[in-house]
Each structure stands twice: as C-alpha cells, then as structure tokens.
Amino acid sequence: LQQAVAENDWFARAYGGYSQLSDIDADSSRIVDGDSAADISVDGGYMAGLGLGYRYGSNWAVEVAWEYRTNDTETNIGGRETYPDGNIASSTVFLNGYYHFATDSKWDPYIGAGLGWLQEVDIDLEGNGPFRSYSGDGDTGFQVFAGANYPLSERWLLQGEIRYASFTDLDLEGEGKTDGEFSSLDYEPLTVQLGIQYRF
C-alpha cells in the first residue's frame, strides 16, 4: 500500500451517506406576524459529494470537495403556525487536509479537518398555505472527520468515514415573493458515509 501511495499521488473520489442534523432553534422575522422564535425539527437525510486531491507521500493529503445534502423538516413559528412538510438543503465547497497513520496492514486510517464555504443553504416550508422558501449563501464554517481507506486494487480504494461540520449564525432571506427571514440559525450536520477513490 505504501508503494502505491508514493507512485499515485493525485486522487478523485465520489461518496455519499446518511446525514443527521440536530433540531434547530432560530429567530424569524415577518414570517408570522412580527418577530418570533422558530423551532425546526429535522429528520435524517442523505448527502453526496465529489472530491479531487493530492497526497504527499504516506501521511499528508489535501483535497477540494463539493457536497450536496438534504433533510426533511417540520417547522413551527412562534408556537402558532406549523409547516409539517419541507426540507433544509445545502451545497457546500470544502478545502480539506488529511493526516494518514502508518500501519502494518492494508487499512489506511486517517483524520482531518476542512474549511467550508456555503454556496447555498435553503429551507422550504410546505403544508400550511403557500409554499415558502428562504435561502442564504457565502457563509463559512469548518468540519472535522475520521475514516479509513481499504485498497481494492493498486488504484481503487473503498472509503468509510464520519464527519461533523459546523456553520453558525446564518441568515436566510425569503426568495421571490416570500416575505420574512430566518436569523441566528446554526447548521451542523453529522454524516456517516461510504465512498470510492481512484488514484491516478
């Protein structure tokens, strides 16, 4: 495995998995009469991503990755209005760094961290009157992760991983003819994922 790493430095990968978010507390303005607290209950969802990176010898690697994720929601505004259907979704770009541990087996465990930039995060409210959509973009955050690769051949590897990301104090404004906004919203997904990696 170590010889293959030294000879094949560039890598690309595709991955997907189960996305979990804690329930979200936020502030809302002009969604339901004035300013109100918003309670957003979030179900498990899914995510998918693509990455391109470079591995420096046996231990270090850097990667640029893009991820999409979505989770179903039920949103209550001010304890008065409930939207039983909807979802919160995001498109994110990450710059990740990896540290791989040396082992005597085929397993290639690693840890890492990354900086994230939200291309867009949006929440849709449905099931109580007109469809409503709120979105924001350009916010930054971070993620940490741990996982392991297992070689299927000299160039192909199977990858398993767990990740936690954090984007805090987000503002989401109404889209189109939708009035109001959410503010002080924290978006902190936890993901368990599988992927396939190809080394060039």
N, C-alpha and C. Protein backbone atom coordinates (compact mmCIF):
# COMPACT_ATOMS: atom_id res chain seq x y z
N LEU A 1 0.82 -1.21 0.00
CA LEU A 1 0.00 0.00 0.00
C LEU A 1 0.85 1.26 0.00
N GLN A 2 1.92 1.29 0.81
CA GLN A 2 2.75 2.49 0.87
C GLN A 2 3.43 2.77 -0.47
N GLN A 3 3.83 1.72 -1.20
CA GLN A 3 4.42 1.93 -2.51
C GLN A 3 3.41 2.52 -3.48
N ALA A 4 2.16 2.04 -3.43
CA ALA A 4 1.12 2.57 -4.30
C ALA A 4 0.85 4.04 -4.01
N VAL A 5 0.88 4.42 -2.73
CA VAL A 5 0.66 5.82 -2.37
C VAL A 5 1.75 6.70 -2.96
N ALA A 6 3.00 6.28 -2.87
CA ALA A 6 4.12 7.07 -3.38
C ALA A 6 4.06 7.23 -4.89
N GLU A 7 3.58 6.22 -5.61
CA GLU A 7 3.56 6.26 -7.06
C GLU A 7 2.32 6.94 -7.63
N ASN A 8 1.25 7.04 -6.88
CA ASN A 8 -0.01 7.55 -7.38
C ASN A 8 -0.51 8.67 -6.46
N ASP A 9 -0.09 9.91 -6.72
CA ASP A 9 -0.31 10.99 -5.79
C ASP A 9 -1.68 11.66 -5.92
N TRP A 10 -2.14 11.92 -7.15
CA TRP A 10 -3.43 12.54 -7.35
C TRP A 10 -4.54 11.53 -7.12
N PHE A 11 -5.68 11.99 -6.58
CA PHE A 11 -6.81 11.10 -6.41
C PHE A 11 -8.12 11.85 -6.63
N ALA A 12 -9.14 11.09 -7.04
CA ALA A 12 -10.51 11.60 -7.16
C ALA A 12 -11.42 10.63 -6.44
N ARG A 13 -12.50 11.15 -5.89
CA ARG A 13 -13.40 10.26 -5.17
C ARG A 13 -14.85 10.72 -5.29
N ALA A 14 -15.75 9.78 -5.17
CA ALA A 14 -17.19 10.03 -5.10
C ALA A 14 -17.70 9.34 -3.84
N TYR A 15 -18.63 9.99 -3.14
CA TYR A 15 -19.07 9.45 -1.87
C TYR A 15 -20.50 9.89 -1.57
N GLY A 16 -21.12 9.18 -0.66
CA GLY A 16 -22.47 9.50 -0.24
C GLY A 16 -22.76 8.84 1.08
N GLY A 17 -23.86 9.28 1.73
CA GLY A 17 -24.15 8.68 3.02
C GLY A 17 -25.36 9.27 3.70
N TYR A 18 -25.49 8.92 4.98
CA TYR A 18 -26.61 9.33 5.82
C TYR A 18 -26.25 10.63 6.54
N SER A 19 -27.13 11.61 6.44
CA SER A 19 -26.90 12.93 7.02
C SER A 19 -27.87 13.16 8.17
N GLN A 20 -27.34 13.52 9.33
CA GLN A 20 -28.17 13.78 10.50
C GLN A 20 -27.93 15.20 11.00
N LEU A 21 -29.03 15.92 11.29
CA LEU A 21 -28.96 17.25 11.88
C LEU A 21 -29.74 17.27 13.18
N SER A 22 -29.21 17.96 14.18
CA SER A 22 -29.98 18.21 15.39
C SER A 22 -31.12 19.18 15.06
N ASP A 23 -32.18 19.13 15.87
CA ASP A 23 -33.24 20.12 15.70
C ASP A 23 -32.67 21.52 15.86
N ILE A 24 -33.25 22.48 15.13
CA ILE A 24 -32.67 23.82 15.01
C ILE A 24 -33.58 24.84 15.67
N ASP A 25 -32.99 25.70 16.50
CA ASP A 25 -33.67 26.88 17.04
C ASP A 25 -33.16 28.10 16.28
N ALA A 26 -34.09 28.96 15.87
CA ALA A 26 -33.71 30.16 15.12
C ALA A 26 -34.69 31.28 15.45
N ASP A 27 -34.37 32.47 15.01
CA ASP A 27 -35.28 33.60 15.10
C ASP A 27 -35.92 33.80 13.73
N SER A 28 -37.17 34.25 13.73
CA SER A 28 -37.84 34.55 12.47
C SER A 28 -38.40 35.96 12.52
N SER A 29 -38.47 36.59 11.37
CA SER A 29 -39.00 37.94 11.27
C SER A 29 -39.94 38.02 10.08
N ARG A 30 -41.17 38.50 10.34
CA ARG A 30 -42.18 38.74 9.30
C ARG A 30 -42.62 37.46 8.57
N ILE A 31 -42.36 36.30 9.16
CA ILE A 31 -42.91 35.06 8.59
C ILE A 31 -44.32 34.85 9.14
N VAL A 32 -44.45 35.00 10.45
CA VAL A 32 -45.75 35.02 11.11
C VAL A 32 -45.77 36.25 12.00
N ASP A 33 -46.56 37.26 11.64
CA ASP A 33 -46.77 38.48 12.42
C ASP A 33 -45.60 38.88 13.32
N GLY A 34 -44.73 39.69 12.81
CA GLY A 34 -43.64 40.23 13.60
C GLY A 34 -42.50 39.25 13.82
N ASP A 35 -41.83 39.41 14.95
CA ASP A 35 -40.67 38.57 15.28
C ASP A 35 -41.09 37.42 16.18
N SER A 36 -40.61 36.21 15.87
CA SER A 36 -40.99 35.02 16.62
C SER A 36 -39.83 34.04 16.65
N ALA A 37 -39.84 33.18 17.67
CA ALA A 37 -38.89 32.06 17.69
C ALA A 37 -39.36 30.99 16.72
N ALA A 38 -38.41 30.30 16.11
CA ALA A 38 -38.71 29.22 15.17
C ALA A 38 -38.08 27.93 15.69
N ASP A 39 -38.89 26.87 15.73
CA ASP A 39 -38.42 25.55 16.11
C ASP A 39 -38.49 24.66 14.88
N ILE A 40 -37.34 24.16 14.45
CA ILE A 40 -37.26 23.36 13.22
C ILE A 40 -36.84 21.95 13.60
N SER A 41 -37.76 21.00 13.46
CA SER A 41 -37.47 19.59 13.70
C SER A 41 -36.94 18.98 12.41
N VAL A 42 -35.83 18.26 12.52
CA VAL A 42 -35.12 17.78 11.34
C VAL A 42 -35.02 16.26 11.35
N ASP A 43 -35.41 15.62 10.25
CA ASP A 43 -35.27 14.18 10.09
C ASP A 43 -33.92 13.85 9.47
N GLY A 44 -33.55 12.57 9.53
CA GLY A 44 -32.36 12.11 8.83
C GLY A 44 -32.51 12.29 7.33
N GLY A 45 -31.41 12.50 6.65
CA GLY A 45 -31.43 12.71 5.21
C GLY A 45 -30.24 12.05 4.55
N TYR A 46 -29.87 12.56 3.39
CA TYR A 46 -28.76 11.97 2.65
C TYR A 46 -27.86 13.07 2.11
N MET A 47 -26.66 12.68 1.75
CA MET A 47 -25.71 13.59 1.13
C MET A 47 -24.93 12.86 0.05
N ALA A 48 -24.36 13.64 -0.88
CA ALA A 48 -23.50 13.10 -1.93
C ALA A 48 -22.42 14.12 -2.22
N GLY A 49 -21.23 13.64 -2.61
CA GLY A 49 -20.14 14.56 -2.85
C GLY A 49 -19.11 14.03 -3.83
N LEU A 50 -18.27 14.96 -4.31
CA LEU A 50 -17.16 14.66 -5.21
C LEU A 50 -15.93 15.39 -4.69
N GLY A 51 -14.76 14.75 -4.80
CA GLY A 51 -13.54 15.38 -4.35
C GLY A 51 -12.38 15.13 -5.29
N LEU A 52 -11.44 16.08 -5.32
CA LEU A 52 -10.20 15.95 -6.09
C LEU A 52 -9.06 16.39 -5.17
N GLY A 53 -8.04 15.53 -5.04
CA GLY A 53 -6.98 15.86 -4.09
C GLY A 53 -5.62 15.38 -4.51
N TYR A 54 -4.64 15.67 -3.65
CA TYR A 54 -3.25 15.30 -3.89
C TYR A 54 -2.68 14.77 -2.58
N ARG A 55 -2.04 13.62 -2.64
CA ARG A 55 -1.45 13.01 -1.45
C ARG A 55 0.07 13.20 -1.48
N TYR A 56 0.61 13.75 -0.38
CA TYR A 56 2.04 14.00 -0.26
C TYR A 56 2.69 12.83 0.49
N GLY A 57 3.23 11.88 -0.26
CA GLY A 57 3.87 10.74 0.37
C GLY A 57 2.88 9.89 1.14
N SER A 58 3.31 9.37 2.29
CA SER A 58 2.50 8.40 3.03
C SER A 58 1.49 9.03 3.96
N ASN A 59 1.74 10.27 4.42
CA ASN A 59 0.95 10.78 5.54
C ASN A 59 -0.01 11.92 5.23
N TRP A 60 0.36 12.84 4.36
CA TRP A 60 -0.41 14.07 4.21
C TRP A 60 -1.15 14.13 2.88
N ALA A 61 -2.32 14.76 2.89
CA ALA A 61 -3.08 14.95 1.66
C ALA A 61 -3.92 16.23 1.78
N VAL A 62 -4.24 16.81 0.65
CA VAL A 62 -5.11 17.98 0.59
C VAL A 62 -6.16 17.73 -0.49
N GLU A 63 -7.36 18.30 -0.31
CA GLU A 63 -8.47 18.00 -1.22
C GLU A 63 -9.41 19.19 -1.32
N VAL A 64 -9.97 19.38 -2.50
CA VAL A 64 -11.12 20.26 -2.70
C VAL A 64 -12.32 19.37 -2.98
N ALA A 65 -13.42 19.60 -2.23
CA ALA A 65 -14.59 18.73 -2.35
C ALA A 65 -15.86 19.58 -2.42
N TRP A 66 -16.85 19.03 -3.13
CA TRP A 66 -18.18 19.64 -3.21
C TRP A 66 -19.20 18.66 -2.68
N GLU A 67 -20.16 19.15 -1.86
CA GLU A 67 -21.15 18.27 -1.25
C GLU A 67 -22.55 18.87 -1.36
N TYR A 68 -23.52 17.99 -1.57
CA TYR A 68 -24.94 18.36 -1.51
C TYR A 68 -25.60 17.50 -0.45
N ARG A 69 -26.45 18.10 0.38
CA ARG A 69 -27.19 17.33 1.37
C ARG A 69 -28.59 17.89 1.53
N THR A 70 -29.52 17.04 1.97
CA THR A 70 -30.90 17.46 2.20
C THR A 70 -31.51 16.67 3.34
N ASN A 71 -32.31 17.33 4.16
CA ASN A 71 -33.02 16.72 5.28
C ASN A 71 -34.43 17.26 5.34
N ASP A 72 -35.41 16.39 5.56
CA ASP A 72 -36.79 16.82 5.72
C ASP A 72 -36.98 17.55 7.05
N THR A 73 -37.93 18.49 7.07
CA THR A 73 -38.15 19.30 8.26
C THR A 73 -39.64 19.46 8.57
N GLU A 74 -39.91 19.78 9.83
CA GLU A 74 -41.20 20.31 10.27
C GLU A 74 -40.91 21.56 11.07
N THR A 75 -41.53 22.68 10.70
CA THR A 75 -41.18 23.98 11.27
C THR A 75 -42.37 24.60 11.98
N ASN A 76 -42.14 25.04 13.22
CA ASN A 76 -43.14 25.77 13.98
C ASN A 76 -42.64 27.19 14.22
N ILE A 77 -43.50 28.17 13.91
CA ILE A 77 -43.15 29.58 14.06
C ILE A 77 -43.95 30.16 15.21
N GLY A 78 -43.25 30.61 16.24
CA GLY A 78 -43.88 31.31 17.35
C GLY A 78 -44.89 30.50 18.13
N GLY A 79 -44.84 29.17 18.02
CA GLY A 79 -45.82 28.33 18.71
C GLY A 79 -47.22 28.43 18.15
N ARG A 80 -47.37 29.09 16.95
CA ARG A 80 -48.70 29.33 16.40
C ARG A 80 -48.90 28.68 15.04
N GLU A 81 -47.92 28.78 14.18
CA GLU A 81 -48.05 28.26 12.82
C GLU A 81 -47.08 27.10 12.62
N THR A 82 -47.59 25.97 12.14
CA THR A 82 -46.76 24.80 11.89
C THR A 82 -46.79 24.46 10.41
N TYR A 83 -45.61 24.22 9.86
CA TYR A 83 -45.45 23.75 8.47
C TYR A 83 -44.94 22.32 8.55
N PRO A 84 -45.83 21.32 8.39
CA PRO A 84 -45.45 19.93 8.65
C PRO A 84 -44.52 19.32 7.62
N ASP A 85 -44.45 19.93 6.45
CA ASP A 85 -43.59 19.42 5.39
C ASP A 85 -42.55 20.48 5.01
N GLY A 86 -41.46 20.02 4.43
CA GLY A 86 -40.41 20.92 3.98
C GLY A 86 -39.07 20.24 4.06
N ASN A 87 -38.03 20.98 3.76
CA ASN A 87 -36.67 20.43 3.86
C ASN A 87 -35.67 21.56 3.98
N ILE A 88 -34.50 21.20 4.52
CA ILE A 88 -33.36 22.10 4.54
C ILE A 88 -32.26 21.43 3.73
N ALA A 89 -31.67 22.16 2.80
CA ALA A 89 -30.69 21.59 1.87
C ALA A 89 -29.54 22.56 1.70
N SER A 90 -28.38 22.02 1.31
CA SER A 90 -27.21 22.87 1.14
C SER A 90 -26.31 22.35 0.04
N SER A 91 -25.55 23.26 -0.52
CA SER A 91 -24.47 22.96 -1.45
C SER A 91 -23.22 23.65 -0.92
N THR A 92 -22.16 22.86 -0.68
CA THR A 92 -21.00 23.35 0.06
C THR A 92 -19.70 22.96 -0.63
N VAL A 93 -18.72 23.86 -0.61
CA VAL A 93 -17.36 23.58 -1.09
C VAL A 93 -16.44 23.54 0.13
N PHE A 94 -15.60 22.49 0.21
CA PHE A 94 -14.66 22.34 1.32
C PHE A 94 -13.23 22.28 0.80
N LEU A 95 -12.31 22.85 1.57
CA LEU A 95 -10.87 22.63 1.40
C LEU A 95 -10.42 21.82 2.59
N ASN A 96 -10.02 20.56 2.35
CA ASN A 96 -9.75 19.60 3.41
C ASN A 96 -8.27 19.24 3.49
N GLY A 97 -7.80 19.00 4.70
CA GLY A 97 -6.47 18.46 4.93
C GLY A 97 -6.57 17.13 5.65
N TYR A 98 -5.72 16.16 5.27
CA TYR A 98 -5.74 14.82 5.84
C TYR A 98 -4.39 14.48 6.46
N TYR A 99 -4.45 13.71 7.55
CA TYR A 99 -3.25 13.07 8.06
C TYR A 99 -3.52 11.57 8.12
N HIS A 100 -2.71 10.76 7.40
CA HIS A 100 -2.85 9.32 7.34
C HIS A 100 -1.84 8.67 8.30
N PHE A 101 -2.32 7.70 9.07
CA PHE A 101 -1.47 6.99 10.03
C PHE A 101 -0.80 5.79 9.36
N ALA A 102 0.48 5.60 9.66
CA ALA A 102 1.20 4.43 9.15
C ALA A 102 0.74 3.18 9.90
N THR A 103 0.45 2.11 9.17
CA THR A 103 0.06 0.83 9.78
C THR A 103 0.79 -0.29 9.06
N ASP A 104 0.74 -1.47 9.66
CA ASP A 104 1.33 -2.66 9.06
C ASP A 104 0.31 -3.49 8.30
N SER A 105 -0.91 -2.98 8.15
CA SER A 105 -1.96 -3.71 7.45
C SER A 105 -2.37 -2.95 6.19
N LYS A 106 -3.33 -3.50 5.46
CA LYS A 106 -3.85 -2.82 4.28
C LYS A 106 -4.73 -1.62 4.63
N TRP A 107 -5.25 -1.60 5.85
CA TRP A 107 -6.10 -0.49 6.25
C TRP A 107 -5.28 0.81 6.34
N ASP A 108 -5.87 1.89 5.90
CA ASP A 108 -5.21 3.20 5.84
C ASP A 108 -6.05 4.21 6.62
N PRO A 109 -5.96 4.25 7.96
CA PRO A 109 -6.78 5.17 8.75
C PRO A 109 -6.27 6.61 8.67
N TYR A 110 -7.18 7.56 8.85
CA TYR A 110 -6.80 8.97 8.77
C TYR A 110 -7.74 9.82 9.61
N ILE A 111 -7.29 11.03 9.89
CA ILE A 111 -8.11 12.09 10.47
C ILE A 111 -7.92 13.33 9.62
N GLY A 112 -8.80 14.32 9.80
CA GLY A 112 -8.64 15.53 9.01
C GLY A 112 -9.57 16.65 9.46
N ALA A 113 -9.39 17.79 8.82
CA ALA A 113 -10.21 18.96 9.08
C ALA A 113 -10.29 19.77 7.80
N GLY A 114 -11.34 20.59 7.70
CA GLY A 114 -11.50 21.39 6.49
C GLY A 114 -12.22 22.70 6.76
N LEU A 115 -12.02 23.65 5.87
CA LEU A 115 -12.75 24.91 5.85
C LEU A 115 -13.84 24.81 4.80
N GLY A 116 -15.05 25.29 5.14
CA GLY A 116 -16.18 25.17 4.23
C GLY A 116 -16.76 26.51 3.83
N TRP A 117 -17.29 26.56 2.61
CA TRP A 117 -17.97 27.75 2.08
C TRP A 117 -19.31 27.31 1.54
N LEU A 118 -20.39 27.88 2.07
CA LEU A 118 -21.73 27.52 1.65
C LEU A 118 -22.09 28.24 0.36
N GLN A 119 -22.15 27.49 -0.74
CA GLN A 119 -22.68 28.06 -1.97
C GLN A 119 -24.12 28.50 -1.78
N GLU A 120 -24.89 27.65 -1.09
CA GLU A 120 -26.28 27.98 -0.77
C GLU A 120 -26.78 27.03 0.30
N VAL A 121 -27.58 27.57 1.21
CA VAL A 121 -28.37 26.75 2.12
C VAL A 121 -29.79 27.31 2.09
N ASP A 122 -30.78 26.44 1.97
CA ASP A 122 -32.15 26.93 1.91
C ASP A 122 -33.08 26.02 2.69
N ILE A 123 -34.15 26.61 3.18
CA ILE A 123 -35.19 25.87 3.88
C ILE A 123 -36.53 26.18 3.22
N ASP A 124 -37.28 25.13 2.94
CA ASP A 124 -38.60 25.26 2.34
C ASP A 124 -39.66 24.90 3.37
N LEU A 125 -40.74 25.68 3.41
CA LEU A 125 -41.87 25.44 4.30
C LEU A 125 -43.08 25.08 3.46
N GLU A 126 -43.69 23.93 3.76
CA GLU A 126 -44.82 23.45 2.98
C GLU A 126 -45.88 22.87 3.92
N GLY A 127 -47.08 22.71 3.38
CA GLY A 127 -48.15 22.02 4.10
C GLY A 127 -49.04 22.93 4.92
N ASN A 128 -48.87 24.26 4.81
CA ASN A 128 -49.72 25.21 5.54
C ASN A 128 -49.77 26.49 4.73
N GLY A 129 -50.66 26.52 3.75
CA GLY A 129 -50.76 27.70 2.90
C GLY A 129 -49.73 27.69 1.79
N PRO A 130 -49.41 28.87 1.26
CA PRO A 130 -48.49 28.95 0.12
C PRO A 130 -47.10 28.41 0.44
N PHE A 131 -46.46 27.87 -0.56
CA PHE A 131 -45.06 27.41 -0.45
C PHE A 131 -44.17 28.59 -0.11
N ARG A 132 -43.26 28.39 0.85
CA ARG A 132 -42.32 29.43 1.26
C ARG A 132 -40.90 28.89 1.18
N SER A 133 -39.97 29.72 0.73
CA SER A 133 -38.58 29.31 0.60
C SER A 133 -37.65 30.43 1.06
N TYR A 134 -36.63 30.06 1.85
CA TYR A 134 -35.68 31.02 2.40
C TYR A 134 -34.26 30.50 2.16
N SER A 135 -33.36 31.38 1.77
CA SER A 135 -32.01 30.91 1.44
C SER A 135 -30.96 31.94 1.83
N GLY A 136 -29.72 31.44 1.94
CA GLY A 136 -28.56 32.28 2.18
C GLY A 136 -27.35 31.66 1.51
N ASP A 137 -26.28 32.43 1.37
CA ASP A 137 -25.06 31.91 0.75
C ASP A 137 -23.85 32.69 1.25
N GLY A 138 -22.67 32.14 0.95
CA GLY A 138 -21.42 32.83 1.25
C GLY A 138 -20.90 32.68 2.66
N ASP A 139 -21.59 31.95 3.52
CA ASP A 139 -21.12 31.78 4.89
C ASP A 139 -20.00 30.75 4.95
N THR A 140 -19.15 30.87 5.96
CA THR A 140 -18.02 29.95 6.11
C THR A 140 -18.15 29.17 7.42
N GLY A 141 -17.52 28.01 7.45
CA GLY A 141 -17.52 27.16 8.63
C GLY A 141 -16.38 26.17 8.55
N PHE A 142 -16.50 25.09 9.31
CA PHE A 142 -15.42 24.11 9.34
C PHE A 142 -16.01 22.71 9.45
N GLN A 143 -15.18 21.71 9.24
CA GLN A 143 -15.56 20.34 9.52
C GLN A 143 -14.35 19.56 10.04
N VAL A 144 -14.61 18.49 10.76
CA VAL A 144 -13.59 17.54 11.21
C VAL A 144 -14.08 16.15 10.84
N PHE A 145 -13.16 15.23 10.63
CA PHE A 145 -13.56 13.91 10.17
C PHE A 145 -12.50 12.86 10.50
N ALA A 146 -12.93 11.60 10.45
CA ALA A 146 -12.04 10.46 10.64
C ALA A 146 -12.57 9.32 9.79
N GLY A 147 -11.65 8.51 9.27
CA GLY A 147 -12.07 7.41 8.42
C GLY A 147 -10.92 6.48 8.10
N ALA A 148 -11.17 5.62 7.13
CA ALA A 148 -10.15 4.66 6.71
C ALA A 148 -10.40 4.27 5.26
N ASN A 149 -9.29 4.05 4.53
CA ASN A 149 -9.33 3.50 3.18
C ASN A 149 -8.95 2.03 3.21
N TYR A 150 -9.49 1.28 2.26
CA TYR A 150 -9.09 -0.12 2.09
C TYR A 150 -8.90 -0.37 0.60
N PRO A 151 -7.70 -0.82 0.16
CA PRO A 151 -7.42 -0.97 -1.26
C PRO A 151 -8.18 -2.14 -1.88
N LEU A 152 -8.85 -1.86 -2.99
CA LEU A 152 -9.47 -2.91 -3.78
C LEU A 152 -8.55 -3.37 -4.90
N SER A 153 -7.65 -2.48 -5.31
CA SER A 153 -6.61 -2.78 -6.30
C SER A 153 -5.53 -1.73 -6.12
N GLU A 154 -4.57 -1.66 -7.02
CA GLU A 154 -3.50 -0.67 -6.89
C GLU A 154 -4.04 0.75 -6.95
N ARG A 155 -5.11 0.98 -7.73
CA ARG A 155 -5.60 2.34 -7.94
C ARG A 155 -6.96 2.61 -7.28
N TRP A 156 -7.76 1.58 -7.02
CA TRP A 156 -9.09 1.78 -6.47
C TRP A 156 -9.10 1.48 -4.98
N LEU A 157 -9.75 2.36 -4.19
CA LEU A 157 -9.87 2.17 -2.75
C LEU A 157 -11.32 2.37 -2.31
N LEU A 158 -11.74 1.59 -1.33
CA LEU A 158 -13.02 1.78 -0.66
C LEU A 158 -12.78 2.64 0.57
N GLN A 159 -13.72 3.54 0.85
CA GLN A 159 -13.51 4.52 1.92
C GLN A 159 -14.74 4.59 2.82
N GLY A 160 -14.52 4.55 4.13
CA GLY A 160 -15.57 4.78 5.11
C GLY A 160 -15.19 5.93 6.02
N GLU A 161 -16.20 6.73 6.42
CA GLU A 161 -15.84 7.98 7.10
C GLU A 161 -17.00 8.50 7.93
N ILE A 162 -16.69 9.24 8.99
CA ILE A 162 -17.67 10.00 9.75
C ILE A 162 -17.21 11.45 9.80
N ARG A 163 -18.16 12.39 9.60
CA ARG A 163 -17.82 13.81 9.53
C ARG A 163 -18.78 14.64 10.37
N TYR A 164 -18.25 15.71 10.95
CA TYR A 164 -19.07 16.71 11.63
C TYR A 164 -18.69 18.08 11.06
N ALA A 165 -19.71 18.85 10.64
CA ALA A 165 -19.48 20.19 10.11
C ALA A 165 -20.29 21.21 10.90
N SER A 166 -19.83 22.45 10.91
CA SER A 166 -20.50 23.49 11.68
C SER A 166 -20.49 24.81 10.92
N PHE A 167 -21.69 25.35 10.69
CA PHE A 167 -21.89 26.69 10.15
C PHE A 167 -22.89 27.38 11.08
N THR A 168 -22.51 28.48 11.68
CA THR A 168 -23.33 29.08 12.73
C THR A 168 -23.77 30.50 12.37
N ASP A 169 -24.86 30.91 13.05
CA ASP A 169 -25.38 32.27 12.96
C ASP A 169 -25.72 32.65 11.51
N LEU A 170 -26.44 31.77 10.82
CA LEU A 170 -26.81 32.01 9.43
C LEU A 170 -28.08 32.85 9.34
N ASP A 171 -28.16 33.64 8.28
CA ASP A 171 -29.37 34.40 7.94
C ASP A 171 -29.90 33.91 6.61
N LEU A 172 -31.19 33.54 6.60
CA LEU A 172 -31.83 33.05 5.38
C LEU A 172 -32.99 33.98 5.04
N GLU A 173 -32.94 34.59 3.85
CA GLU A 173 -33.94 35.56 3.45
C GLU A 173 -34.94 34.93 2.48
N GLY A 174 -36.16 35.47 2.47
CA GLY A 174 -37.19 34.97 1.59
C GLY A 174 -36.83 35.10 0.12
N GLU A 175 -37.15 34.06 -0.65
CA GLU A 175 -36.88 34.06 -2.08
C GLU A 175 -38.13 34.48 -2.85
N GLY A 176 -37.92 35.22 -3.96
CA GLY A 176 -39.04 35.62 -4.79
C GLY A 176 -40.04 36.48 -4.04
N LYS A 177 -41.30 36.02 -4.01
CA LYS A 177 -42.36 36.76 -3.34
C LYS A 177 -42.53 36.35 -1.88
N THR A 178 -41.63 35.52 -1.36
CA THR A 178 -41.72 35.08 0.03
C THR A 178 -41.23 36.18 0.95
N ASP A 179 -42.04 36.55 1.93
CA ASP A 179 -41.67 37.58 2.90
C ASP A 179 -40.90 36.98 4.07
N GLY A 180 -40.17 37.83 4.78
CA GLY A 180 -39.55 37.46 6.03
C GLY A 180 -38.17 36.85 5.90
N GLU A 181 -37.64 36.44 7.05
CA GLU A 181 -36.32 35.83 7.08
C GLU A 181 -36.14 35.02 8.37
N PHE A 182 -35.22 34.06 8.31
CA PHE A 182 -34.70 33.38 9.49
C PHE A 182 -33.33 33.97 9.82
N SER A 183 -33.01 34.04 11.12
CA SER A 183 -31.70 34.53 11.53
C SER A 183 -31.21 33.70 12.71
N SER A 184 -29.91 33.83 13.00
CA SER A 184 -29.27 33.11 14.11
C SER A 184 -29.50 31.61 14.02
N LEU A 185 -29.40 31.08 12.82
CA LEU A 185 -29.64 29.65 12.55
C LEU A 185 -28.30 28.93 12.49
N ASP A 186 -28.18 27.86 13.25
CA ASP A 186 -26.97 27.03 13.23
C ASP A 186 -27.22 25.77 12.42
N TYR A 187 -26.29 25.46 11.53
CA TYR A 187 -26.41 24.32 10.61
C TYR A 187 -25.20 23.42 10.86
N GLU A 188 -25.44 22.25 11.51
CA GLU A 188 -24.34 21.42 11.99
C GLU A 188 -24.60 19.95 11.67
N PRO A 189 -24.35 19.54 10.44
CA PRO A 189 -24.62 18.16 10.03
C PRO A 189 -23.55 17.17 10.51
N LEU A 190 -24.02 15.98 10.85
CA LEU A 190 -23.17 14.83 11.15
C LEU A 190 -23.45 13.78 10.08
N THR A 191 -22.40 13.25 9.47
CA THR A 191 -22.56 12.37 8.33
C THR A 191 -21.77 11.09 8.50
N VAL A 192 -22.39 9.97 8.20
CA VAL A 192 -21.72 8.68 8.07
C VAL A 192 -21.76 8.31 6.60
N GLN A 193 -20.60 8.06 5.99
CA GLN A 193 -20.57 7.94 4.53
C GLN A 193 -19.62 6.85 4.06
N LEU A 194 -19.90 6.39 2.84
CA LEU A 194 -19.04 5.46 2.12
C LEU A 194 -18.65 6.10 0.79
N GLY A 195 -17.45 5.77 0.32
CA GLY A 195 -17.00 6.33 -0.95
C GLY A 195 -16.08 5.39 -1.68
N ILE A 196 -15.80 5.77 -2.91
CA ILE A 196 -14.84 5.04 -3.74
C ILE A 196 -13.82 6.04 -4.24
N GLN A 197 -12.55 5.68 -4.17
CA GLN A 197 -11.47 6.59 -4.54
C GLN A 197 -10.61 5.97 -5.64
N TYR A 198 -10.22 6.81 -6.58
CA TYR A 198 -9.32 6.37 -7.66
C TYR A 198 -8.05 7.18 -7.62
N ARG A 199 -6.89 6.51 -7.60
CA ARG A 199 -5.58 7.17 -7.60
C ARG A 199 -5.01 7.17 -9.01
N PHE A 200 -4.55 8.31 -9.44
CA PHE A 200 -4.01 8.45 -10.79
C PHE A 200 -2.56 7.98 -10.86
